[in-house]
Amino acid sequence: MTIQKCATACAGFKCFGVEWATECYRGNTLNTGSGIVDDSVCSFACGGSDAENCGAGDHLDLFQFGPRTPSPVTTAFSSVSIRIQELR
């Protein structure tokens, strides 16, 4: 898993996230009770890239797709670490 692989698999949704180093989630809304945590909490290296973090235990690195641009997908979303129950 990498952030780019997850982003590609989640095209068409408003947001996506990576968790537990190898898990990818997508959705359009967050569940009640989700909240922002310090970015340092999400420190698990991605299974497909030691240079990227892919969440942590019960903590999701969340990305939201931005407007389409000629830039690669990796520059077309913003990131926030979040303690989340699950994406819908």
PDB file of N, CA and C in Angstrom:
ATOM      1  N   MET A   1       0.832  -1.179   0.000  1.00  0.00           N
ATOM      2  CA  MET A   1       0.000   0.000   0.000  1.00  0.00           C
ATOM      3  C   MET A   1       0.877   1.243   0.000  1.00  0.00           C
ATOM      4  N   THR A   2       0.476   2.213  -0.787  1.00  0.00           N
ATOM      5  CA  THR A   2       1.048   3.555  -0.768  1.00  0.00           C
ATOM      6  C   THR A   2      -0.119   4.540  -0.821  1.00  0.00           C
ATOM      7  N   ILE A   3       0.154   5.788  -0.532  1.00  0.00           N
ATOM      8  CA  ILE A   3      -0.900   6.802  -0.607  1.00  0.00           C
ATOM      9  C   ILE A   3      -1.406   6.918  -2.037  1.00  0.00           C
ATOM     10  N   GLN A   4      -0.507   6.891  -3.006  1.00  0.00           N
ATOM     11  CA  GLN A   4      -0.903   6.999  -4.410  1.00  0.00           C
ATOM     12  C   GLN A   4      -1.782   5.822  -4.839  1.00  0.00           C
ATOM     13  N   LYS A   5      -1.427   4.606  -4.426  1.00  0.00           N
ATOM     14  CA  LYS A   5      -2.250   3.435  -4.772  1.00  0.00           C
ATOM     15  C   LYS A   5      -3.647   3.563  -4.195  1.00  0.00           C
ATOM     16  N   CYS A   6      -3.743   4.027  -2.976  1.00  0.00           N
ATOM     17  CA  CYS A   6      -5.041   4.209  -2.336  1.00  0.00           C
ATOM     18  C   CYS A   6      -5.830   5.297  -3.066  1.00  0.00           C
ATOM     19  N   ALA A   7      -5.173   6.411  -3.400  1.00  0.00           N
ATOM     20  CA  ALA A   7      -5.839   7.499  -4.116  1.00  0.00           C
ATOM     21  C   ALA A   7      -6.401   7.015  -5.446  1.00  0.00           C
ATOM     22  N   THR A   8      -5.628   6.247  -6.160  1.00  0.00           N
ATOM     23  CA  THR A   8      -6.069   5.726  -7.453  1.00  0.00           C
ATOM     24  C   THR A   8      -7.274   4.811  -7.290  1.00  0.00           C
ATOM     25  N   ALA A   9      -7.247   3.958  -6.278  1.00  0.00           N
ATOM     26  CA  ALA A   9      -8.357   3.024  -6.042  1.00  0.00           C
ATOM     27  C   ALA A   9      -9.626   3.733  -5.575  1.00  0.00           C
ATOM     28  N   CYS A  10      -9.489   4.954  -5.073  1.00  0.00           N
ATOM     29  CA  CYS A  10     -10.620   5.661  -4.476  1.00  0.00           C
ATOM     30  C   CYS A  10     -11.161   6.793  -5.341  1.00  0.00           C
ATOM     31  N   ALA A  11     -10.743   6.857  -6.574  1.00  0.00           N
ATOM     32  CA  ALA A  11     -11.241   7.899  -7.478  1.00  0.00           C
ATOM     33  C   ALA A  11     -12.765   7.851  -7.506  1.00  0.00           C
ATOM     34  N   GLY A  12     -13.377   9.012  -7.481  1.00  0.00           N
ATOM     35  CA  GLY A  12     -14.831   9.099  -7.498  1.00  0.00           C
ATOM     36  C   GLY A  12     -15.443   9.342  -6.137  1.00  0.00           C
ATOM     37  N   PHE A  13     -14.660   9.200  -5.080  1.00  0.00           N
ATOM     38  CA  PHE A  13     -15.122   9.489  -3.726  1.00  0.00           C
ATOM     39  C   PHE A  13     -14.575  10.843  -3.292  1.00  0.00           C
ATOM     40  N   LYS A  14     -15.138  11.425  -2.256  1.00  0.00           N
ATOM     41  CA  LYS A  14     -14.679  12.722  -1.770  1.00  0.00           C
ATOM     42  C   LYS A  14     -13.382  12.616  -0.985  1.00  0.00           C
ATOM     43  N   CYS A  15     -13.189  11.500  -0.275  1.00  0.00           N
ATOM     44  CA  CYS A  15     -11.985  11.364   0.536  1.00  0.00           C
ATOM     45  C   CYS A  15     -11.552   9.905   0.607  1.00  0.00           C
ATOM     46  N   PHE A  16     -10.318   9.724   1.044  1.00  0.00           N
ATOM     47  CA  PHE A  16      -9.768   8.387   1.239  1.00  0.00           C
ATOM     48  C   PHE A  16      -8.763   8.462   2.370  1.00  0.00           C
ATOM     49  N   GLY A  17      -8.414   7.307   2.899  1.00  0.00           N
ATOM     50  CA  GLY A  17      -7.444   7.284   3.974  1.00  0.00           C
ATOM     51  C   GLY A  17      -6.706   5.971   4.037  1.00  0.00           C
ATOM     52  N   VAL A  18      -5.554   6.019   4.690  1.00  0.00           N
ATOM     53  CA  VAL A  18      -4.728   4.830   4.882  1.00  0.00           C
ATOM     54  C   VAL A  18      -4.542   4.613   6.381  1.00  0.00           C
ATOM     55  N   GLU A  19      -4.528   3.348   6.772  1.00  0.00           N
ATOM     56  CA  GLU A  19      -4.453   2.984   8.188  1.00  0.00           C
ATOM     57  C   GLU A  19      -3.747   1.649   8.325  1.00  0.00           C
ATOM     58  N   TRP A  20      -3.149   1.405   9.486  1.00  0.00           N
ATOM     59  CA  TRP A  20      -2.476   0.133   9.800  1.00  0.00           C
ATOM     60  C   TRP A  20      -1.423  -0.248   8.755  1.00  0.00           C
ATOM     61  N   ALA A  21      -0.821   0.714   8.078  1.00  0.00           N
ATOM     62  CA  ALA A  21       0.274   0.516   7.117  1.00  0.00           C
ATOM     63  C   ALA A  21      -0.154  -0.091   5.788  1.00  0.00           C
ATOM     64  N   THR A  22      -1.240  -0.863   5.760  1.00  0.00           N
ATOM     65  CA  THR A  22      -1.608  -1.565   4.525  1.00  0.00           C
ATOM     66  C   THR A  22      -3.086  -1.455   4.152  1.00  0.00           C
ATOM     67  N   GLU A  23      -3.868  -0.725   4.936  1.00  0.00           N
ATOM     68  CA  GLU A  23      -5.305  -0.655   4.665  1.00  0.00           C
ATOM     69  C   GLU A  23      -5.673   0.667   4.001  1.00  0.00           C
ATOM     70  N   CYS A  24      -6.620   0.606   3.068  1.00  0.00           N
ATOM     71  CA  CYS A  24      -7.083   1.769   2.321  1.00  0.00           C
ATOM     72  C   CYS A  24      -8.600   1.858   2.469  1.00  0.00           C
ATOM     73  N   TYR A  25      -9.094   3.051   2.792  1.00  0.00           N
ATOM     74  CA  TYR A  25     -10.531   3.272   2.971  1.00  0.00           C
ATOM     75  C   TYR A  25     -10.965   4.450   2.126  1.00  0.00           C
ATOM     76  N   ARG A  26     -12.232   4.459   1.734  1.00  0.00           N
ATOM     77  CA  ARG A  26     -12.767   5.565   0.950  1.00  0.00           C
ATOM     78  C   ARG A  26     -14.182   5.859   1.380  1.00  0.00           C
ATOM     79  N   GLY A  27     -14.624   7.066   1.132  1.00  0.00           N
ATOM     80  CA  GLY A  27     -15.979   7.431   1.491  1.00  0.00           C
ATOM     81  C   GLY A  27     -16.272   8.876   1.150  1.00  0.00           C
ATOM     82  N   ASN A  28     -17.473   9.294   1.511  1.00  0.00           N
ATOM     83  CA  ASN A  28     -17.911  10.655   1.246  1.00  0.00           C
ATOM     84  C   ASN A  28     -18.208  11.441   2.514  1.00  0.00           C
ATOM     85  N   THR A  29     -18.330  10.756   3.650  1.00  0.00           N
ATOM     86  CA  THR A  29     -18.586  11.412   4.931  1.00  0.00           C
ATOM     87  C   THR A  29     -17.809  10.695   6.025  1.00  0.00           C
ATOM     88  N   LEU A  30     -17.646  11.358   7.160  1.00  0.00           N
ATOM     89  CA  LEU A  30     -17.018  10.763   8.330  1.00  0.00           C
ATOM     90  C   LEU A  30     -18.095  10.448   9.351  1.00  0.00           C
ATOM     91  N   ASN A  31     -17.881   9.416  10.121  1.00  0.00           N
ATOM     92  CA  ASN A  31     -18.825   9.083  11.184  1.00  0.00           C
ATOM     93  C   ASN A  31     -18.756  10.096  12.315  1.00  0.00           C
ATOM     94  N   THR A  32     -19.852  10.248  13.019  1.00  0.00           N
ATOM     95  CA  THR A  32     -19.896  11.071  14.221  1.00  0.00           C
ATOM     96  C   THR A  32     -18.874  10.531  15.210  1.00  0.00           C
ATOM     97  N   GLY A  33     -18.164  11.420  15.869  1.00  0.00           N
ATOM     98  CA  GLY A  33     -17.156  11.000  16.837  1.00  0.00           C
ATOM     99  C   GLY A  33     -15.750  11.019  16.289  1.00  0.00           C
ATOM    100  N   SER A  34     -15.603  11.180  14.988  1.00  0.00           N
ATOM    101  CA  SER A  34     -14.276  11.289  14.398  1.00  0.00           C
ATOM    102  C   SER A  34     -13.680  12.635  14.773  1.00  0.00           C
ATOM    103  N   GLY A  35     -12.384  12.678  14.928  1.00  0.00           N
ATOM    104  CA  GLY A  35     -11.757  13.939  15.307  1.00  0.00           C
ATOM    105  C   GLY A  35     -10.307  14.005  14.889  1.00  0.00           C
ATOM    106  N   ILE A  36      -9.806  15.196  14.793  1.00  0.00           N
ATOM    107  CA  ILE A  36      -8.426  15.420  14.373  1.00  0.00           C
ATOM    108  C   ILE A  36      -7.480  15.151  15.535  1.00  0.00           C
ATOM    109  N   VAL A  37      -6.368  14.501  15.235  1.00  0.00           N
ATOM    110  CA  VAL A  37      -5.311  14.255  16.214  1.00  0.00           C
ATOM    111  C   VAL A  37      -4.002  14.814  15.661  1.00  0.00           C
ATOM    112  N   ASP A  38      -2.992  14.904  16.498  1.00  0.00           N
ATOM    113  CA  ASP A  38      -1.687  15.369  16.059  1.00  0.00           C
ATOM    114  C   ASP A  38      -1.151  14.459  14.955  1.00  0.00           C
ATOM    115  N   ASP A  39      -0.590  15.059  13.937  1.00  0.00           N
ATOM    116  CA  ASP A  39      -0.085  14.319  12.780  1.00  0.00           C
ATOM    117  C   ASP A  39       0.963  13.275  13.161  1.00  0.00           C
ATOM    118  N   SER A  40       1.681  13.487  14.256  1.00  0.00           N
ATOM    119  CA  SER A  40       2.736  12.557  14.669  1.00  0.00           C
ATOM    120  C   SER A  40       2.183  11.203  15.112  1.00  0.00           C
ATOM    121  N   VAL A  41       0.892  11.144  15.414  1.00  0.00           N
ATOM    122  CA  VAL A  41       0.280   9.881  15.852  1.00  0.00           C
ATOM    123  C   VAL A  41       0.305   8.844  14.728  1.00  0.00           C
ATOM    124  N   CYS A  42       0.114   9.285  13.506  1.00  0.00           N
ATOM    125  CA  CYS A  42       0.078   8.376  12.359  1.00  0.00           C
ATOM    126  C   CYS A  42       1.501   8.141  11.858  1.00  0.00           C
ATOM    127  N   SER A  43       2.138   7.143  12.421  1.00  0.00           N
ATOM    128  CA  SER A  43       3.564   6.950  12.160  1.00  0.00           C
ATOM    129  C   SER A  43       3.919   5.578  11.595  1.00  0.00           C
ATOM    130  N   PHE A  44       2.930   4.790  11.169  1.00  0.00           N
ATOM    131  CA  PHE A  44       3.227   3.487  10.581  1.00  0.00           C
ATOM    132  C   PHE A  44       3.708   3.705   9.147  1.00  0.00           C
ATOM    133  N   ALA A  45       4.868   3.180   8.810  1.00  0.00           N
ATOM    134  CA  ALA A  45       5.357   3.267   7.437  1.00  0.00           C
ATOM    135  C   ALA A  45       4.432   2.467   6.523  1.00  0.00           C
ATOM    136  N   CYS A  46       4.164   3.012   5.340  1.00  0.00           N
ATOM    137  CA  CYS A  46       3.315   2.307   4.375  1.00  0.00           C
ATOM    138  C   CYS A  46       3.971   0.986   3.968  1.00  0.00           C
ATOM    139  N   GLY A  47       3.153  -0.006   3.777  1.00  0.00           N
ATOM    140  CA  GLY A  47       3.659  -1.314   3.366  1.00  0.00           C
ATOM    141  C   GLY A  47       4.414  -1.278   2.049  1.00  0.00           C
ATOM    142  N   GLY A  48       4.051  -0.324   1.167  1.00  0.00           N
ATOM    143  CA  GLY A  48       4.689  -0.232  -0.135  1.00  0.00           C
ATOM    144  C   GLY A  48       5.722   0.864  -0.259  1.00  0.00           C
ATOM    145  N   SER A  49       5.939   1.648   0.811  1.00  0.00           N
ATOM    146  CA  SER A  49       6.911   2.740   0.761  1.00  0.00           C
ATOM    147  C   SER A  49       7.284   3.174   2.169  1.00  0.00           C
ATOM    148  N   ASP A  50       8.516   2.907   2.554  1.00  0.00           N
ATOM    149  CA  ASP A  50       9.003   3.331   3.872  1.00  0.00           C
ATOM    150  C   ASP A  50       9.075   4.854   3.990  1.00  0.00           C
ATOM    151  N   ALA A  51       9.016   5.557   2.868  1.00  0.00           N
ATOM    152  CA  ALA A  51       9.123   7.013   2.869  1.00  0.00           C
ATOM    153  C   ALA A  51       7.789   7.697   3.174  1.00  0.00           C
ATOM    154  N   GLU A  52       6.701   6.928   3.257  1.00  0.00           N
ATOM    155  CA  GLU A  52       5.376   7.494   3.525  1.00  0.00           C
ATOM    156  C   GLU A  52       4.793   6.885   4.785  1.00  0.00           C
ATOM    157  N   ASN A  53       3.971   7.658   5.484  1.00  0.00           N
ATOM    158  CA  ASN A  53       3.237   7.130   6.634  1.00  0.00           C
ATOM    159  C   ASN A  53       1.828   6.762   6.203  1.00  0.00           C
ATOM    160  N   CYS A  54       1.361   5.621   6.702  1.00  0.00           N
ATOM    161  CA  CYS A  54       0.019   5.131   6.390  1.00  0.00           C
ATOM    162  C   CYS A  54      -0.739   4.866   7.681  1.00  0.00           C
ATOM    163  N   GLY A  55      -1.032   5.943   8.410  1.00  0.00           N
ATOM    164  CA  GLY A  55      -1.853   5.851   9.597  1.00  0.00           C
ATOM    165  C   GLY A  55      -1.154   5.186  10.762  1.00  0.00           C
ATOM    166  N   ALA A  56      -1.984   4.589  11.621  1.00  0.00           N
ATOM    167  CA  ALA A  56      -1.522   3.863  12.802  1.00  0.00           C
ATOM    168  C   ALA A  56      -2.680   2.973  13.243  1.00  0.00           C
ATOM    169  N   GLY A  57      -2.553   2.368  14.404  1.00  0.00           N
ATOM    170  CA  GLY A  57      -3.642   1.563  14.941  1.00  0.00           C
ATOM    171  C   GLY A  57      -4.831   2.444  15.286  1.00  0.00           C
ATOM    172  N   ASP A  58      -5.951   2.237  14.626  1.00  0.00           N
ATOM    173  CA  ASP A  58      -7.175   3.018  14.833  1.00  0.00           C
ATOM    174  C   ASP A  58      -7.008   4.508  14.547  1.00  0.00           C
ATOM    175  N   HIS A  59      -6.024   4.866  13.760  1.00  0.00           N
ATOM    176  CA  HIS A  59      -5.809   6.249  13.334  1.00  0.00           C
ATOM    177  C   HIS A  59      -5.566   6.246  11.827  1.00  0.00           C
ATOM    178  N   LEU A  60      -6.277   7.102  11.148  1.00  0.00           N
ATOM    179  CA  LEU A  60      -6.282   7.144   9.697  1.00  0.00           C
ATOM    180  C   LEU A  60      -5.616   8.426   9.213  1.00  0.00           C
ATOM    181  N   ASP A  61      -4.707   8.296   8.257  1.00  0.00           N
ATOM    182  CA  ASP A  61      -4.243   9.471   7.531  1.00  0.00           C
ATOM    183  C   ASP A  61      -5.297   9.725   6.469  1.00  0.00           C
ATOM    184  N   LEU A  62      -6.008  10.823   6.588  1.00  0.00           N
ATOM    185  CA  LEU A  62      -7.157  11.125   5.737  1.00  0.00           C
ATOM    186  C   LEU A  62      -6.787  12.141   4.677  1.00  0.00           C
ATOM    187  N   PHE A  63      -7.244  11.911   3.467  1.00  0.00           N
ATOM    188  CA  PHE A  63      -6.977  12.804   2.341  1.00  0.00           C
ATOM    189  C   PHE A  63      -8.304  13.168   1.684  1.00  0.00           C
ATOM    190  N   GLN A  64      -8.392  14.399   1.242  1.00  0.00           N
ATOM    191  CA  GLN A  64      -9.578  14.859   0.535  1.00  0.00           C
ATOM    192  C   GLN A  64      -9.156  15.266  -0.866  1.00  0.00           C
ATOM    193  N   PHE A  65      -9.869  14.769  -1.857  1.00  0.00           N
ATOM    194  CA  PHE A  65      -9.559  15.140  -3.230  1.00  0.00           C
ATOM    195  C   PHE A  65      -9.898  16.605  -3.455  1.00  0.00           C
ATOM    196  N   GLY A  66      -9.004  17.323  -4.143  1.00  0.00           N
ATOM    197  CA  GLY A  66      -9.233  18.719  -4.486  1.00  0.00           C
ATOM    198  C   GLY A  66      -9.729  18.820  -5.917  1.00  0.00           C
ATOM    199  N   PRO A  67      -9.833  20.035  -6.402  1.00  0.00           N
ATOM    200  CA  PRO A  67     -10.269  20.214  -7.788  1.00  0.00           C
ATOM    201  C   PRO A  67      -9.279  19.602  -8.759  1.00  0.00           C
ATOM    202  N   ARG A  68      -9.781  19.174  -9.863  1.00  0.00           N
ATOM    203  CA  ARG A  68      -8.908  18.573 -10.881  1.00  0.00           C
ATOM    204  C   ARG A  68      -7.925  19.621 -11.399  1.00  0.00           C
ATOM    205  N   THR A  69      -6.689  19.195 -11.511  1.00  0.00           N
ATOM    206  CA  THR A  69      -5.643  20.058 -12.046  1.00  0.00           C
ATOM    207  C   THR A  69      -4.782  19.210 -12.962  1.00  0.00           C
ATOM    208  N   PRO A  70      -3.937  19.807 -13.768  1.00  0.00           N
ATOM    209  CA  PRO A  70      -3.044  19.012 -14.596  1.00  0.00           C
ATOM    210  C   PRO A  70      -1.949  18.326 -13.788  1.00  0.00           C
ATOM    211  N   SER A  71      -1.859  18.643 -12.483  1.00  0.00           N
ATOM    212  CA  SER A  71      -0.829  18.050 -11.630  1.00  0.00           C
ATOM    213  C   SER A  71      -1.141  16.578 -11.362  1.00  0.00           C
ATOM    214  N   PRO A  72      -0.143  15.809 -10.968  1.00  0.00           N
ATOM    215  CA  PRO A  72      -0.392  14.421 -10.576  1.00  0.00           C
ATOM    216  C   PRO A  72      -1.356  14.369  -9.389  1.00  0.00           C
ATOM    217  N   VAL A  73      -2.016  13.242  -9.220  1.00  0.00           N
ATOM    218  CA  VAL A  73      -2.995  13.073  -8.142  1.00  0.00           C
ATOM    219  C   VAL A  73      -2.372  13.385  -6.789  1.00  0.00           C
ATOM    220  N   THR A  74      -1.114  13.070  -6.600  1.00  0.00           N
ATOM    221  CA  THR A  74      -0.496  13.275  -5.291  1.00  0.00           C
ATOM    222  C   THR A  74      -0.498  14.737  -4.867  1.00  0.00           C
ATOM    223  N   THR A  75      -0.629  15.657  -5.791  1.00  0.00           N
ATOM    224  CA  THR A  75      -0.697  17.065  -5.416  1.00  0.00           C
ATOM    225  C   THR A  75      -2.128  17.592  -5.468  1.00  0.00           C
ATOM    226  N   ALA A  76      -3.089  16.730  -5.752  1.00  0.00           N
ATOM    227  CA  ALA A  76      -4.476  17.175  -5.904  1.00  0.00           C
ATOM    228  C   ALA A  76      -5.329  16.863  -4.679  1.00  0.00           C
ATOM    229  N   PHE A  77      -4.705  16.522  -3.554  1.00  0.00           N
ATOM    230  CA  PHE A  77      -5.480  16.318  -2.335  1.00  0.00           C
ATOM    231  C   PHE A  77      -4.735  16.892  -1.144  1.00  0.00           C
ATOM    232  N   SER A  78      -5.495  17.176  -0.101  1.00  0.00           N
ATOM    233  CA  SER A  78      -4.893  17.676   1.129  1.00  0.00           C
ATOM    234  C   SER A  78      -4.988  16.603   2.198  1.00  0.00           C
ATOM    235  N   SER A  79      -4.187  16.691   3.231  1.00  0.00           N
ATOM    236  CA  SER A  79      -4.098  15.634   4.230  1.00  0.00           C
ATOM    237  C   SER A  79      -4.345  16.162   5.639  1.00  0.00           C
ATOM    238  N   VAL A  80      -4.928  15.312   6.460  1.00  0.00           N
ATOM    239  CA  VAL A  80      -5.041  15.554   7.894  1.00  0.00           C
ATOM    240  C   VAL A  80      -5.058  14.199   8.579  1.00  0.00           C
ATOM    241  N   SER A  81      -4.411  14.071   9.701  1.00  0.00           N
ATOM    242  CA  SER A  81      -4.493  12.835  10.490  1.00  0.00           C
ATOM    243  C   SER A  81      -5.736  12.909  11.343  1.00  0.00           C
ATOM    244  N   ILE A  82      -6.418  11.808  11.463  1.00  0.00           N
ATOM    245  CA  ILE A  82      -7.691  11.833  12.175  1.00  0.00           C
ATOM    246  C   ILE A  82      -7.901  10.531  12.931  1.00  0.00           C
ATOM    247  N   ARG A  83      -8.473  10.637  14.085  1.00  0.00           N
ATOM    248  CA  ARG A  83      -8.895   9.465  14.839  1.00  0.00           C
ATOM    249  C   ARG A  83     -10.315   9.215  14.366  1.00  0.00           C
ATOM    250  N   ILE A  84     -10.510   8.077  13.733  1.00  0.00           N
ATOM    251  CA  ILE A  84     -11.781   7.857  13.040  1.00  0.00           C
ATOM    252  C   ILE A  84     -12.334   6.482  13.370  1.00  0.00           C
ATOM    253  N   GLN A  85     -13.627   6.389  13.429  1.00  0.00           N
ATOM    254  CA  GLN A  85     -14.252   5.099  13.638  1.00  0.00           C
ATOM    255  C   GLN A  85     -14.339   4.335  12.329  1.00  0.00           C
ATOM    256  N   GLU A  86     -14.816   4.982  11.307  1.00  0.00           N
ATOM    257  CA  GLU A  86     -14.807   4.400   9.970  1.00  0.00           C
ATOM    258  C   GLU A  86     -15.409   5.392   8.994  1.00  0.00           C
ATOM    259  N   LEU A  87     -15.003   5.262   7.735  1.00  0.00           N
ATOM    260  CA  LEU A  87     -15.627   6.057   6.676  1.00  0.00           C
ATOM    261  C   LEU A  87     -16.900   5.365   6.246  1.00  0.00           C
ATOM    262  N   ARG A  88     -17.887   6.120   5.837  1.00  0.00           N
ATOM    263  CA  ARG A  88     -19.120   5.523   5.326  1.00  0.00           C
ATOM    264  C   ARG A  88     -19.024   5.327   3.835  1.00  0.00           C
TER     265      ARG A  88
END
